[in-house]
Amino acid sequence: MPDAVRTAAVRAVLATSLTIIQAMIAFLSTVTGSWLAFPMVLSSVASTVVATWAVLDVWVTRQVWNQRNGVVSVPSSTARQMRRERRRAQKAARAADRDGPAGGIRDRLKADGLSRA
């Protein structure tokens, strides 16, 4: 994961966990009838907005990073096909190197007039 996306993800996790803690405190304060219930409910609503924004920030940051730096490729059918073609070309090049410039022993024998066929 790129650094910018990782940073945004850490921010989102912190904001989300803080929101969950505030919501739990607001619930428990409401159950016990504490004076802290109303301020905690208000701060929980505000934290929910912030946490949602932080999660959207992760998504947007990831999209921007992919657009600027290219997608970290997952092999697709196109990539496999290109790899196959590259392997075939390398195999043909190795075979050509192995046979030499004259094209192999039979071609050399034909060129020398020593071939039976």
PDB file of N, CA and C in Angstrom:
ATOM      1  N   MET A   1       0.851  -1.169   0.000  1.00  0.00           N
ATOM      2  CA  MET A   1       0.000   0.000   0.000  1.00  0.00           C
ATOM      3  C   MET A   1       0.898   1.235   0.000  1.00  0.00           C
ATOM      4  N   PRO A   2       0.638   2.192  -0.892  1.00  0.00           N
ATOM      5  CA  PRO A   2       1.458   3.404  -0.946  1.00  0.00           C
ATOM      6  C   PRO A   2       1.356   4.218   0.339  1.00  0.00           C
ATOM      7  N   ASP A   3       2.374   5.044   0.574  1.00  0.00           N
ATOM      8  CA  ASP A   3       2.433   5.816   1.818  1.00  0.00           C
ATOM      9  C   ASP A   3       1.243   6.752   2.004  1.00  0.00           C
ATOM     10  N   ALA A   4       0.814   7.434   0.948  1.00  0.00           N
ATOM     11  CA  ALA A   4      -0.308   8.372   1.073  1.00  0.00           C
ATOM     12  C   ALA A   4      -1.588   7.634   1.447  1.00  0.00           C
ATOM     13  N   VAL A   5      -1.792   6.488   0.845  1.00  0.00           N
ATOM     14  CA  VAL A   5      -2.997   5.702   1.134  1.00  0.00           C
ATOM     15  C   VAL A   5      -2.909   5.136   2.550  1.00  0.00           C
ATOM     16  N   ARG A   6      -1.730   4.693   2.933  1.00  0.00           N
ATOM     17  CA  ARG A   6      -1.546   4.150   4.281  1.00  0.00           C
ATOM     18  C   ARG A   6      -1.826   5.214   5.336  1.00  0.00           C
ATOM     19  N   THR A   7      -1.326   6.428   5.106  1.00  0.00           N
ATOM     20  CA  THR A   7      -1.556   7.528   6.045  1.00  0.00           C
ATOM     21  C   THR A   7      -3.046   7.831   6.167  1.00  0.00           C
ATOM     22  N   ALA A   8      -3.739   7.880   5.033  1.00  0.00           N
ATOM     23  CA  ALA A   8      -5.182   8.144   5.053  1.00  0.00           C
ATOM     24  C   ALA A   8      -5.925   7.012   5.757  1.00  0.00           C
ATOM     25  N   ALA A   9      -5.473   5.789   5.567  1.00  0.00           N
ATOM     26  CA  ALA A   9      -6.124   4.644   6.214  1.00  0.00           C
ATOM     27  C   ALA A   9      -5.939   4.681   7.728  1.00  0.00           C
ATOM     28  N   VAL A  10      -4.753   5.067   8.173  1.00  0.00           N
ATOM     29  CA  VAL A  10      -4.510   5.178   9.616  1.00  0.00           C
ATOM     30  C   VAL A  10      -5.403   6.256  10.214  1.00  0.00           C
ATOM     31  N   ARG A  11      -5.497   7.398   9.520  1.00  0.00           N
ATOM     32  CA  ARG A  11      -6.397   8.464   9.988  1.00  0.00           C
ATOM     33  C   ARG A  11      -7.829   7.971  10.072  1.00  0.00           C
ATOM     34  N   ALA A  12      -8.265   7.218   9.070  1.00  0.00           N
ATOM     35  CA  ALA A  12      -9.641   6.716   9.043  1.00  0.00           C
ATOM     36  C   ALA A  12      -9.889   5.734  10.181  1.00  0.00           C
ATOM     37  N   VAL A  13      -8.931   4.867  10.451  1.00  0.00           N
ATOM     38  CA  VAL A  13      -9.095   3.901  11.545  1.00  0.00           C
ATOM     39  C   VAL A  13      -9.167   4.616  12.884  1.00  0.00           C
ATOM     40  N   LEU A  14      -8.302   5.609  13.079  1.00  0.00           N
ATOM     41  CA  LEU A  14      -8.335   6.366  14.332  1.00  0.00           C
ATOM     42  C   LEU A  14      -9.659   7.112  14.504  1.00  0.00           C
ATOM     43  N   ALA A  15     -10.133   7.752  13.443  1.00  0.00           N
ATOM     44  CA  ALA A  15     -11.397   8.493  13.523  1.00  0.00           C
ATOM     45  C   ALA A  15     -12.570   7.549  13.771  1.00  0.00           C
ATOM     46  N   THR A  16     -12.554   6.401  13.110  1.00  0.00           N
ATOM     47  CA  THR A  16     -13.636   5.431  13.286  1.00  0.00           C
ATOM     48  C   THR A  16     -13.632   4.849  14.696  1.00  0.00           C
ATOM     49  N   SER A  17     -12.464   4.511  15.204  1.00  0.00           N
ATOM     50  CA  SER A  17     -12.402   3.942  16.559  1.00  0.00           C
ATOM     51  C   SER A  17     -12.814   4.971  17.605  1.00  0.00           C
ATOM     52  N   LEU A  18     -12.418   6.224  17.418  1.00  0.00           N
ATOM     53  CA  LEU A  18     -12.841   7.284  18.338  1.00  0.00           C
ATOM     54  C   LEU A  18     -14.367   7.462  18.292  1.00  0.00           C
ATOM     55  N   THR A  19     -14.937   7.369  17.111  1.00  0.00           N
ATOM     56  CA  THR A  19     -16.392   7.489  16.966  1.00  0.00           C
ATOM     57  C   THR A  19     -17.114   6.357  17.684  1.00  0.00           C
ATOM     58  N   ILE A  20     -16.590   5.150  17.560  1.00  0.00           N
ATOM     59  CA  ILE A  20     -17.213   4.003  18.238  1.00  0.00           C
ATOM     60  C   ILE A  20     -17.122   4.166  19.755  1.00  0.00           C
ATOM     61  N   ILE A  21     -15.973   4.634  20.226  1.00  0.00           N
ATOM     62  CA  ILE A  21     -15.821   4.855  21.680  1.00  0.00           C
ATOM     63  C   ILE A  21     -16.792   5.928  22.160  1.00  0.00           C
ATOM     64  N   GLN A  22     -16.904   7.019  21.401  1.00  0.00           N
ATOM     65  CA  GLN A  22     -17.834   8.083  21.793  1.00  0.00           C
ATOM     66  C   GLN A  22     -19.274   7.598  21.779  1.00  0.00           C
ATOM     67  N   ALA A  23     -19.629   6.797  20.782  1.00  0.00           N
ATOM     68  CA  ALA A  23     -20.991   6.278  20.716  1.00  0.00           C
ATOM     69  C   ALA A  23     -21.283   5.383  21.918  1.00  0.00           C
ATOM     70  N   MET A  24     -20.311   4.572  22.302  1.00  0.00           N
ATOM     71  CA  MET A  24     -20.498   3.701  23.468  1.00  0.00           C
ATOM     72  C   MET A  24     -20.649   4.531  24.744  1.00  0.00           C
ATOM     73  N   ILE A  25     -19.834   5.557  24.902  1.00  0.00           N
ATOM     74  CA  ILE A  25     -19.942   6.433  26.079  1.00  0.00           C
ATOM     75  C   ILE A  25     -21.293   7.152  26.076  1.00  0.00           C
ATOM     76  N   ALA A  26     -21.735   7.602  24.908  1.00  0.00           N
ATOM     77  CA  ALA A  26     -23.036   8.276  24.814  1.00  0.00           C
ATOM     78  C   ALA A  26     -24.160   7.319  25.199  1.00  0.00           C
ATOM     79  N   PHE A  27     -24.091   6.082  24.726  1.00  0.00           N
ATOM     80  CA  PHE A  27     -25.124   5.096  25.061  1.00  0.00           C
ATOM     81  C   PHE A  27     -25.145   4.810  26.560  1.00  0.00           C
ATOM     82  N   LEU A  28     -23.962   4.542  27.114  1.00  0.00           N
ATOM     83  CA  LEU A  28     -23.909   4.230  28.546  1.00  0.00           C
ATOM     84  C   LEU A  28     -24.316   5.430  29.397  1.00  0.00           C
ATOM     85  N   SER A  29     -23.961   6.630  28.975  1.00  0.00           N
ATOM     86  CA  SER A  29     -24.374   7.832  29.710  1.00  0.00           C
ATOM     87  C   SER A  29     -25.888   8.015  29.645  1.00  0.00           C
ATOM     88  N   THR A  30     -26.466   7.694  28.504  1.00  0.00           N
ATOM     89  CA  THR A  30     -27.920   7.805  28.364  1.00  0.00           C
ATOM     90  C   THR A  30     -28.623   6.788  29.254  1.00  0.00           C
ATOM     91  N   VAL A  31     -28.108   5.567  29.297  1.00  0.00           N
ATOM     92  CA  VAL A  31     -28.715   4.512  30.122  1.00  0.00           C
ATOM     93  C   VAL A  31     -28.657   4.893  31.602  1.00  0.00           C
ATOM     94  N   THR A  32     -27.538   5.456  32.007  1.00  0.00           N
ATOM     95  CA  THR A  32     -27.397   5.812  33.434  1.00  0.00           C
ATOM     96  C   THR A  32     -28.041   7.154  33.767  1.00  0.00           C
ATOM     97  N   GLY A  33     -28.464   7.923  32.767  1.00  0.00           N
ATOM     98  CA  GLY A  33     -29.093   9.208  33.021  1.00  0.00           C
ATOM     99  C   GLY A  33     -28.110  10.291  33.388  1.00  0.00           C
ATOM    100  N   SER A  34     -26.883  10.175  32.940  1.00  0.00           N
ATOM    101  CA  SER A  34     -25.841  11.149  33.265  1.00  0.00           C
ATOM    102  C   SER A  34     -26.037  12.433  32.465  1.00  0.00           C
ATOM    103  N   TRP A  35     -25.527  13.534  33.011  1.00  0.00           N
ATOM    104  CA  TRP A  35     -25.568  14.820  32.314  1.00  0.00           C
ATOM    105  C   TRP A  35     -24.684  14.801  31.068  1.00  0.00           C
ATOM    106  N   LEU A  36     -23.726  13.845  31.007  1.00  0.00           N
ATOM    107  CA  LEU A  36     -22.782  13.764  29.898  1.00  0.00           C
ATOM    108  C   LEU A  36     -23.409  13.184  28.624  1.00  0.00           C
ATOM    109  N   ALA A  37     -24.622  12.655  28.736  1.00  0.00           N
ATOM    110  CA  ALA A  37     -25.246  11.977  27.597  1.00  0.00           C
ATOM    111  C   ALA A  37     -25.449  12.905  26.402  1.00  0.00           C
ATOM    112  N   PHE A  38     -26.057  14.059  26.636  1.00  0.00           N
ATOM    113  CA  PHE A  38     -26.358  14.964  25.525  1.00  0.00           C
ATOM    114  C   PHE A  38     -25.098  15.467  24.820  1.00  0.00           C
ATOM    115  N   PRO A  39     -24.081  15.954  25.525  1.00  0.00           N
ATOM    116  CA  PRO A  39     -22.858  16.375  24.808  1.00  0.00           C
ATOM    117  C   PRO A  39     -22.179  15.224  24.053  1.00  0.00           C
ATOM    118  N   MET A  40     -22.245  14.031  24.618  1.00  0.00           N
ATOM    119  CA  MET A  40     -21.611  12.889  23.941  1.00  0.00           C
ATOM    120  C   MET A  40     -22.387  12.483  22.690  1.00  0.00           C
ATOM    121  N   VAL A  41     -23.700  12.604  22.715  1.00  0.00           N
ATOM    122  CA  VAL A  41     -24.494  12.307  21.522  1.00  0.00           C
ATOM    123  C   VAL A  41     -24.155  13.306  20.418  1.00  0.00           C
ATOM    124  N   LEU A  42     -24.066  14.583  20.790  1.00  0.00           N
ATOM    125  CA  LEU A  42     -23.705  15.601  19.788  1.00  0.00           C
ATOM    126  C   LEU A  42     -22.310  15.352  19.220  1.00  0.00           C
ATOM    127  N   SER A  43     -21.357  15.045  20.086  1.00  0.00           N
ATOM    128  CA  SER A  43     -19.994  14.802  19.593  1.00  0.00           C
ATOM    129  C   SER A  43     -19.927  13.502  18.783  1.00  0.00           C
ATOM    130  N   SER A  44     -20.767  12.532  19.111  1.00  0.00           N
ATOM    131  CA  SER A  44     -20.802  11.286  18.330  1.00  0.00           C
ATOM    132  C   SER A  44     -21.324  11.543  16.924  1.00  0.00           C
ATOM    133  N   VAL A  45     -22.322  12.399  16.809  1.00  0.00           N
ATOM    134  CA  VAL A  45     -22.841  12.743  15.479  1.00  0.00           C
ATOM    135  C   VAL A  45     -21.754  13.449  14.666  1.00  0.00           C
ATOM    136  N   ALA A  46     -21.065  14.399  15.282  1.00  0.00           N
ATOM    137  CA  ALA A  46     -19.975  15.102  14.595  1.00  0.00           C
ATOM    138  C   ALA A  46     -18.851  14.134  14.226  1.00  0.00           C
ATOM    139  N   SER A  47     -18.528  13.212  15.128  1.00  0.00           N
ATOM    140  CA  SER A  47     -17.467  12.230  14.850  1.00  0.00           C
ATOM    141  C   SER A  47     -17.860  11.283  13.732  1.00  0.00           C
ATOM    142  N   THR A  48     -19.145  10.974  13.639  1.00  0.00           N
ATOM    143  CA  THR A  48     -19.609  10.104  12.552  1.00  0.00           C
ATOM    144  C   THR A  48     -19.388  10.784  11.210  1.00  0.00           C
ATOM    145  N   VAL A  49     -19.644  12.069  11.146  1.00  0.00           N
ATOM    146  CA  VAL A  49     -19.390  12.816   9.911  1.00  0.00           C
ATOM    147  C   VAL A  49     -17.904  12.802   9.586  1.00  0.00           C
ATOM    148  N   VAL A  50     -17.079  13.028  10.590  1.00  0.00           N
ATOM    149  CA  VAL A  50     -15.617  13.043  10.381  1.00  0.00           C
ATOM    150  C   VAL A  50     -15.118  11.660   9.959  1.00  0.00           C
ATOM    151  N   ALA A  51     -15.612  10.613  10.600  1.00  0.00           N
ATOM    152  CA  ALA A  51     -15.178   9.256  10.260  1.00  0.00           C
ATOM    153  C   ALA A  51     -15.594   8.894   8.835  1.00  0.00           C
ATOM    154  N   THR A  52     -16.802   9.296   8.446  1.00  0.00           N
ATOM    155  CA  THR A  52     -17.244   9.033   7.072  1.00  0.00           C
ATOM    156  C   THR A  52     -16.352   9.759   6.083  1.00  0.00           C
ATOM    157  N   TRP A  53     -16.026  11.012   6.389  1.00  0.00           N
ATOM    158  CA  TRP A  53     -15.125  11.785   5.541  1.00  0.00           C
ATOM    159  C   TRP A  53     -13.752  11.106   5.453  1.00  0.00           C
ATOM    160  N   ALA A  54     -13.266  10.589   6.558  1.00  0.00           N
ATOM    161  CA  ALA A  54     -11.949   9.947   6.571  1.00  0.00           C
ATOM    162  C   ALA A  54     -11.941   8.677   5.723  1.00  0.00           C
ATOM    163  N   VAL A  55     -13.018   7.911   5.791  1.00  0.00           N
ATOM    164  CA  VAL A  55     -13.091   6.687   4.973  1.00  0.00           C
ATOM    165  C   VAL A  55     -13.176   7.051   3.498  1.00  0.00           C
ATOM    166  N   LEU A  56     -13.944   8.073   3.164  1.00  0.00           N
ATOM    167  CA  LEU A  56     -13.991   8.534   1.773  1.00  0.00           C
ATOM    168  C   LEU A  56     -12.636   9.063   1.322  1.00  0.00           C
ATOM    169  N   ASP A  57     -11.891   9.673   2.236  1.00  0.00           N
ATOM    170  CA  ASP A  57     -10.562  10.171   1.914  1.00  0.00           C
ATOM    171  C   ASP A  57      -9.625   9.026   1.528  1.00  0.00           C
ATOM    172  N   VAL A  58      -9.747   7.898   2.198  1.00  0.00           N
ATOM    173  CA  VAL A  58      -8.925   6.733   1.837  1.00  0.00           C
ATOM    174  C   VAL A  58      -9.236   6.320   0.407  1.00  0.00           C
ATOM    175  N   TRP A  59     -10.517   6.238   0.087  1.00  0.00           N
ATOM    176  CA  TRP A  59     -10.926   5.815  -1.242  1.00  0.00           C
ATOM    177  C   TRP A  59     -10.433   6.793  -2.306  1.00  0.00           C
ATOM    178  N   VAL A  60     -10.619   8.096  -2.063  1.00  0.00           N
ATOM    179  CA  VAL A  60     -10.197   9.106  -3.038  1.00  0.00           C
ATOM    180  C   VAL A  60      -8.682   9.123  -3.173  1.00  0.00           C
ATOM    181  N   THR A  61      -7.968   9.025  -2.064  1.00  0.00           N
ATOM    182  CA  THR A  61      -6.502   9.015  -2.108  1.00  0.00           C
ATOM    183  C   THR A  61      -5.995   7.822  -2.905  1.00  0.00           C
ATOM    184  N   ARG A  62      -6.621   6.688  -2.719  1.00  0.00           N
ATOM    185  CA  ARG A  62      -6.229   5.480  -3.462  1.00  0.00           C
ATOM    186  C   ARG A  62      -6.476   5.663  -4.956  1.00  0.00           C
ATOM    187  N   GLN A  63      -7.628   6.237  -5.312  1.00  0.00           N
ATOM    188  CA  GLN A  63      -7.933   6.465  -6.721  1.00  0.00           C
ATOM    189  C   GLN A  63      -6.938   7.443  -7.357  1.00  0.00           C
ATOM    190  N   VAL A  64      -6.633   8.509  -6.640  1.00  0.00           N
ATOM    191  CA  VAL A  64      -5.688   9.509  -7.158  1.00  0.00           C
ATOM    192  C   VAL A  64      -4.308   8.888  -7.316  1.00  0.00           C
ATOM    193  N   TRP A  65      -3.877   8.103  -6.333  1.00  0.00           N
ATOM    194  CA  TRP A  65      -2.556   7.472  -6.418  1.00  0.00           C
ATOM    195  C   TRP A  65      -2.499   6.535  -7.619  1.00  0.00           C
ATOM    196  N   ASN A  66      -3.564   5.735  -7.807  1.00  0.00           N
ATOM    197  CA  ASN A  66      -3.587   4.819  -8.955  1.00  0.00           C
ATOM    198  C   ASN A  66      -3.560   5.572 -10.274  1.00  0.00           C
ATOM    199  N   GLN A  67      -4.252   6.696 -10.336  1.00  0.00           N
ATOM    200  CA  GLN A  67      -4.289   7.465 -11.577  1.00  0.00           C
ATOM    201  C   GLN A  67      -2.936   8.098 -11.873  1.00  0.00           C
ATOM    202  N   ARG A  68      -2.255   8.578 -10.844  1.00  0.00           N
ATOM    203  CA  ARG A  68      -0.968   9.251 -11.069  1.00  0.00           C
ATOM    204  C   ARG A  68       0.166   8.266 -11.275  1.00  0.00           C
ATOM    205  N   ASN A  69       0.172   7.175 -10.536  1.00  0.00           N
ATOM    206  CA  ASN A  69       1.328   6.275 -10.535  1.00  0.00           C
ATOM    207  C   ASN A  69       1.066   4.945 -11.215  1.00  0.00           C
ATOM    208  N   GLY A  70      -0.103   4.750 -11.717  1.00  0.00           N
ATOM    209  CA  GLY A  70      -0.419   3.489 -12.351  1.00  0.00           C
ATOM    210  C   GLY A  70      -0.866   2.471 -11.334  1.00  0.00           C
ATOM    211  N   VAL A  71      -1.658   1.556 -11.803  1.00  0.00           N
ATOM    212  CA  VAL A  71      -2.203   0.530 -10.930  1.00  0.00           C
ATOM    213  C   VAL A  71      -1.125  -0.500 -10.666  1.00  0.00           C
ATOM    214  N   VAL A  72      -1.039  -0.939  -9.432  1.00  0.00           N
ATOM    215  CA  VAL A  72      -0.150  -2.055  -9.123  1.00  0.00           C
ATOM    216  C   VAL A  72      -0.779  -3.250  -9.806  1.00  0.00           C
ATOM    217  N   SER A  73      -0.099  -3.767 -10.828  1.00  0.00           N
ATOM    218  CA  SER A  73      -0.781  -4.676 -11.735  1.00  0.00           C
ATOM    219  C   SER A  73      -1.063  -6.024 -11.102  1.00  0.00           C
ATOM    220  N   VAL A  74      -2.219  -6.485 -11.397  1.00  0.00           N
ATOM    221  CA  VAL A  74      -2.628  -7.844 -11.076  1.00  0.00           C
ATOM    222  C   VAL A  74      -2.638  -8.546 -12.419  1.00  0.00           C
ATOM    223  N   PRO A  75      -2.026  -9.695 -12.536  1.00  0.00           N
ATOM    224  CA  PRO A  75      -1.960 -10.314 -13.858  1.00  0.00           C
ATOM    225  C   PRO A  75      -3.346 -10.481 -14.467  1.00  0.00           C
ATOM    226  N   SER A  76      -3.508  -9.914 -15.628  1.00  0.00           N
ATOM    227  CA  SER A  76      -4.770 -10.047 -16.338  1.00  0.00           C
ATOM    228  C   SER A  76      -4.529 -10.918 -17.555  1.00  0.00           C
ATOM    229  N   SER A  77      -5.581 -11.169 -18.298  1.00  0.00           N
ATOM    230  CA  SER A  77      -5.423 -12.015 -19.478  1.00  0.00           C
ATOM    231  C   SER A  77      -4.478 -11.349 -20.479  1.00  0.00           C
ATOM    232  N   THR A  78      -4.521 -10.023 -20.562  1.00  0.00           N
ATOM    233  CA  THR A  78      -3.622  -9.311 -21.478  1.00  0.00           C
ATOM    234  C   THR A  78      -2.181  -9.482 -21.043  1.00  0.00           C
ATOM    235  N   ALA A  79      -1.935  -9.358 -19.743  1.00  0.00           N
ATOM    236  CA  ALA A  79      -0.568  -9.518 -19.241  1.00  0.00           C
ATOM    237  C   ALA A  79      -0.076 -10.942 -19.486  1.00  0.00           C
ATOM    238  N   ARG A  80      -0.948 -11.920 -19.272  1.00  0.00           N
ATOM    239  CA  ARG A  80      -0.542 -13.314 -19.513  1.00  0.00           C
ATOM    240  C   ARG A  80      -0.223 -13.538 -20.981  1.00  0.00           C
ATOM    241  N   GLN A  81      -1.039 -12.969 -21.854  1.00  0.00           N
ATOM    242  CA  GLN A  81      -0.815 -13.137 -23.285  1.00  0.00           C
ATOM    243  C   GLN A  81       0.510 -12.506 -23.698  1.00  0.00           C
ATOM    244  N   MET A  82       0.798 -11.322 -23.187  1.00  0.00           N
ATOM    245  CA  MET A  82       2.067 -10.668 -23.519  1.00  0.00           C
ATOM    246  C   MET A  82       3.247 -11.473 -22.993  1.00  0.00           C
ATOM    247  N   ARG A  83       3.087 -12.038 -21.779  1.00  0.00           N
ATOM    248  CA  ARG A  83       4.154 -12.850 -21.209  1.00  0.00           C
ATOM    249  C   ARG A  83       4.381 -14.092 -22.066  1.00  0.00           C
ATOM    250  N   ARG A  84       3.281 -14.717 -22.523  1.00  0.00           N
ATOM    251  CA  ARG A  84       3.391 -15.896 -23.388  1.00  0.00           C
ATOM    252  C   ARG A  84       4.142 -15.562 -24.673  1.00  0.00           C
ATOM    253  N   GLU A  85       3.769 -14.444 -25.296  1.00  0.00           N
ATOM    254  CA  GLU A  85       4.432 -14.041 -26.541  1.00  0.00           C
ATOM    255  C   GLU A  85       5.909 -13.756 -26.305  1.00  0.00           C
ATOM    256  N   ARG A  86       6.232 -13.123 -25.185  1.00  0.00           N
ATOM    257  CA  ARG A  86       7.631 -12.826 -24.874  1.00  0.00           C
ATOM    258  C   ARG A  86       8.410 -14.124 -24.678  1.00  0.00           C
ATOM    259  N   ARG A  87       7.798 -15.102 -23.981  1.00  0.00           N
ATOM    260  CA  ARG A  87       8.474 -16.393 -23.783  1.00  0.00           C
ATOM    261  C   ARG A  87       8.710 -17.102 -25.108  1.00  0.00           C
ATOM    262  N   ARG A  88       7.704 -17.053 -26.008  1.00  0.00           N
ATOM    263  CA  ARG A  88       7.867 -17.696 -27.316  1.00  0.00           C
ATOM    264  C   ARG A  88       8.998 -17.047 -28.102  1.00  0.00           C
ATOM    265  N   ALA A  89       9.068 -15.708 -28.056  1.00  0.00           N
ATOM    266  CA  ALA A  89      10.125 -15.000 -28.773  1.00  0.00           C
ATOM    267  C   ALA A  89      11.492 -15.354 -28.180  1.00  0.00           C
ATOM    268  N   GLN A  90      11.586 -15.446 -26.845  1.00  0.00           N
ATOM    269  CA  GLN A  90      12.850 -15.811 -26.217  1.00  0.00           C
ATOM    270  C   GLN A  90      13.238 -17.245 -26.578  1.00  0.00           C
ATOM    271  N   LYS A  91      12.253 -18.132 -26.611  1.00  0.00           N
ATOM    272  CA  LYS A  91      12.533 -19.525 -26.965  1.00  0.00           C
ATOM    273  C   LYS A  91      13.020 -19.617 -28.412  1.00  0.00           C
ATOM    274  N   ALA A  92      12.374 -18.859 -29.307  1.00  0.00           N
ATOM    275  CA  ALA A  92      12.807 -18.860 -30.714  1.00  0.00           C
ATOM    276  C   ALA A  92      14.212 -18.287 -30.850  1.00  0.00           C
ATOM    277  N   ALA A  93      14.511 -17.240 -30.077  1.00  0.00           N
ATOM    278  CA  ALA A  93      15.846 -16.643 -30.135  1.00  0.00           C
ATOM    279  C   ALA A  93      16.891 -17.625 -29.626  1.00  0.00           C
ATOM    280  N   ARG A  94      16.582 -18.351 -28.540  1.00  0.00           N
ATOM    281  CA  ARG A  94      17.526 -19.359 -28.031  1.00  0.00           C
ATOM    282  C   ARG A  94      17.740 -20.468 -29.051  1.00  0.00           C
ATOM    283  N   ALA A  95      16.660 -20.895 -29.713  1.00  0.00           N
ATOM    284  CA  ALA A  95      16.784 -21.946 -30.724  1.00  0.00           C
ATOM    285  C   ALA A  95      17.632 -21.462 -31.896  1.00  0.00           C
ATOM    286  N   ALA A  96      17.446 -20.213 -32.286  1.00  0.00           N
ATOM    287  CA  ALA A  96      18.244 -19.665 -33.391  1.00  0.00           C
ATOM    288  C   ALA A  96      19.709 -19.568 -32.992  1.00  0.00           C
ATOM    289  N   ASP A  97      19.972 -19.178 -31.750  1.00  0.00           N
ATOM    290  CA  ASP A  97      21.359 -19.113 -31.279  1.00  0.00           C
ATOM    291  C   ASP A  97      21.992 -20.496 -31.227  1.00  0.00           C
ATOM    292  N   ARG A  98      21.187 -21.466 -30.802  1.00  0.00           N
ATOM    293  CA  ARG A  98      21.695 -22.834 -30.673  1.00  0.00           C
ATOM    294  C   ARG A  98      22.011 -23.419 -32.050  1.00  0.00           C
ATOM    295  N   ASP A  99      21.161 -23.130 -33.047  1.00  0.00           N
ATOM    296  CA  ASP A  99      21.375 -23.670 -34.387  1.00  0.00           C
ATOM    297  C   ASP A  99      22.502 -22.967 -35.118  1.00  0.00           C
ATOM    298  N   GLY A 100      22.809 -21.780 -34.708  1.00  0.00           N
ATOM    299  CA  GLY A 100      23.901 -21.046 -35.342  1.00  0.00           C
ATOM    300  C   GLY A 100      23.412 -20.301 -36.564  1.00  0.00           C
ATOM    301  N   PRO A 101      24.312 -19.566 -37.184  1.00  0.00           N
ATOM    302  CA  PRO A 101      23.903 -18.733 -38.312  1.00  0.00           C
ATOM    303  C   PRO A 101      23.513 -19.536 -39.548  1.00  0.00           C
ATOM    304  N   ALA A 102      24.059 -20.750 -39.722  1.00  0.00           N
ATOM    305  CA  ALA A 102      23.756 -21.530 -40.923  1.00  0.00           C
ATOM    306  C   ALA A 102      22.458 -22.302 -40.776  1.00  0.00           C
ATOM    307  N   GLY A 103      21.859 -22.314 -39.583  1.00  0.00           N
ATOM    308  CA  GLY A 103      20.582 -22.973 -39.422  1.00  0.00           C
ATOM    309  C   GLY A 103      20.679 -24.423 -38.999  1.00  0.00           C
ATOM    310  N   GLY A 104      21.797 -24.910 -38.568  1.00  0.00           N
ATOM    311  CA  GLY A 104      21.898 -26.259 -38.058  1.00  0.00           C
ATOM    312  C   GLY A 104      22.832 -27.129 -38.872  1.00  0.00           C
ATOM    313  N   ILE A 105      23.013 -28.371 -38.413  1.00  0.00           N
ATOM    314  CA  ILE A 105      23.961 -29.295 -39.028  1.00  0.00           C
ATOM    315  C   ILE A 105      23.510 -29.702 -40.425  1.00  0.00           C
ATOM    316  N   ARG A 106      22.227 -30.014 -40.618  1.00  0.00           N
ATOM    317  CA  ARG A 106      21.755 -30.444 -41.937  1.00  0.00           C
ATOM    318  C   ARG A 106      21.994 -29.368 -42.984  1.00  0.00           C
ATOM    319  N   ASP A 107      21.727 -28.105 -42.623  1.00  0.00           N
ATOM    320  CA  ASP A 107      21.942 -27.032 -43.580  1.00  0.00           C
ATOM    321  C   ASP A 107      23.423 -26.893 -43.913  1.00  0.00           C
ATOM    322  N   ARG A 108      24.288 -27.105 -42.924  1.00  0.00           N
ATOM    323  CA  ARG A 108      25.722 -27.019 -43.184  1.00  0.00           C
ATOM    324  C   ARG A 108      26.176 -28.162 -44.099  1.00  0.00           C
ATOM    325  N   LEU A 109      25.623 -29.352 -43.846  1.00  0.00           N
ATOM    326  CA  LEU A 109      25.987 -30.491 -44.692  1.00  0.00           C
ATOM    327  C   LEU A 109      25.517 -30.279 -46.119  1.00  0.00           C
ATOM    328  N   LYS A 110      24.287 -29.733 -46.259  1.00  0.00           N
ATOM    329  CA  LYS A 110      23.781 -29.436 -47.610  1.00  0.00           C
ATOM    330  C   LYS A 110      24.674 -28.415 -48.305  1.00  0.00           C
ATOM    331  N   ALA A 111      25.084 -27.422 -47.558  1.00  0.00           N
ATOM    332  CA  ALA A 111      25.923 -26.381 -48.148  1.00  0.00           C
ATOM    333  C   ALA A 111      27.264 -26.955 -48.587  1.00  0.00           C
ATOM    334  N   ASP A 112      27.776 -27.960 -47.876  1.00  0.00           N
ATOM    335  CA  ASP A 112      29.047 -28.582 -48.237  1.00  0.00           C
ATOM    336  C   ASP A 112      28.882 -29.670 -49.279  1.00  0.00           C
ATOM    337  N   GLY A 113      27.642 -30.045 -49.590  1.00  0.00           N
ATOM    338  CA  GLY A 113      27.389 -31.117 -50.560  1.00  0.00           C
ATOM    339  C   GLY A 113      27.575 -32.484 -49.983  1.00  0.00           C
ATOM    340  N   LEU A 114      27.560 -32.654 -48.661  1.00  0.00           N
ATOM    341  CA  LEU A 114      27.784 -33.921 -48.014  1.00  0.00           C
ATOM    342  C   LEU A 114      26.486 -34.591 -47.585  1.00  0.00           C
ATOM    343  N   SER A 115      25.360 -33.995 -47.843  1.00  0.00           N
ATOM    344  CA  SER A 115      24.086 -34.497 -47.381  1.00  0.00           C
ATOM    345  C   SER A 115      23.623 -35.682 -48.231  1.00  0.00           C
ATOM    346  N   ARG A 116      22.957 -36.662 -47.583  1.00  0.00           N
ATOM    347  CA  ARG A 116      22.439 -37.825 -48.296  1.00  0.00           C
ATOM    348  C   ARG A 116      21.097 -37.498 -48.950  1.00  0.00           C
ATOM    349  N   ALA A 117      20.377 -36.564 -48.402  1.00  0.00           N
ATOM    350  CA  ALA A 117      19.051 -36.290 -48.933  1.00  0.00           C
ATOM    351  C   ALA A 117      19.042 -35.191 -49.956  1.00  0.00           C
TER     352      ALA A 117
END
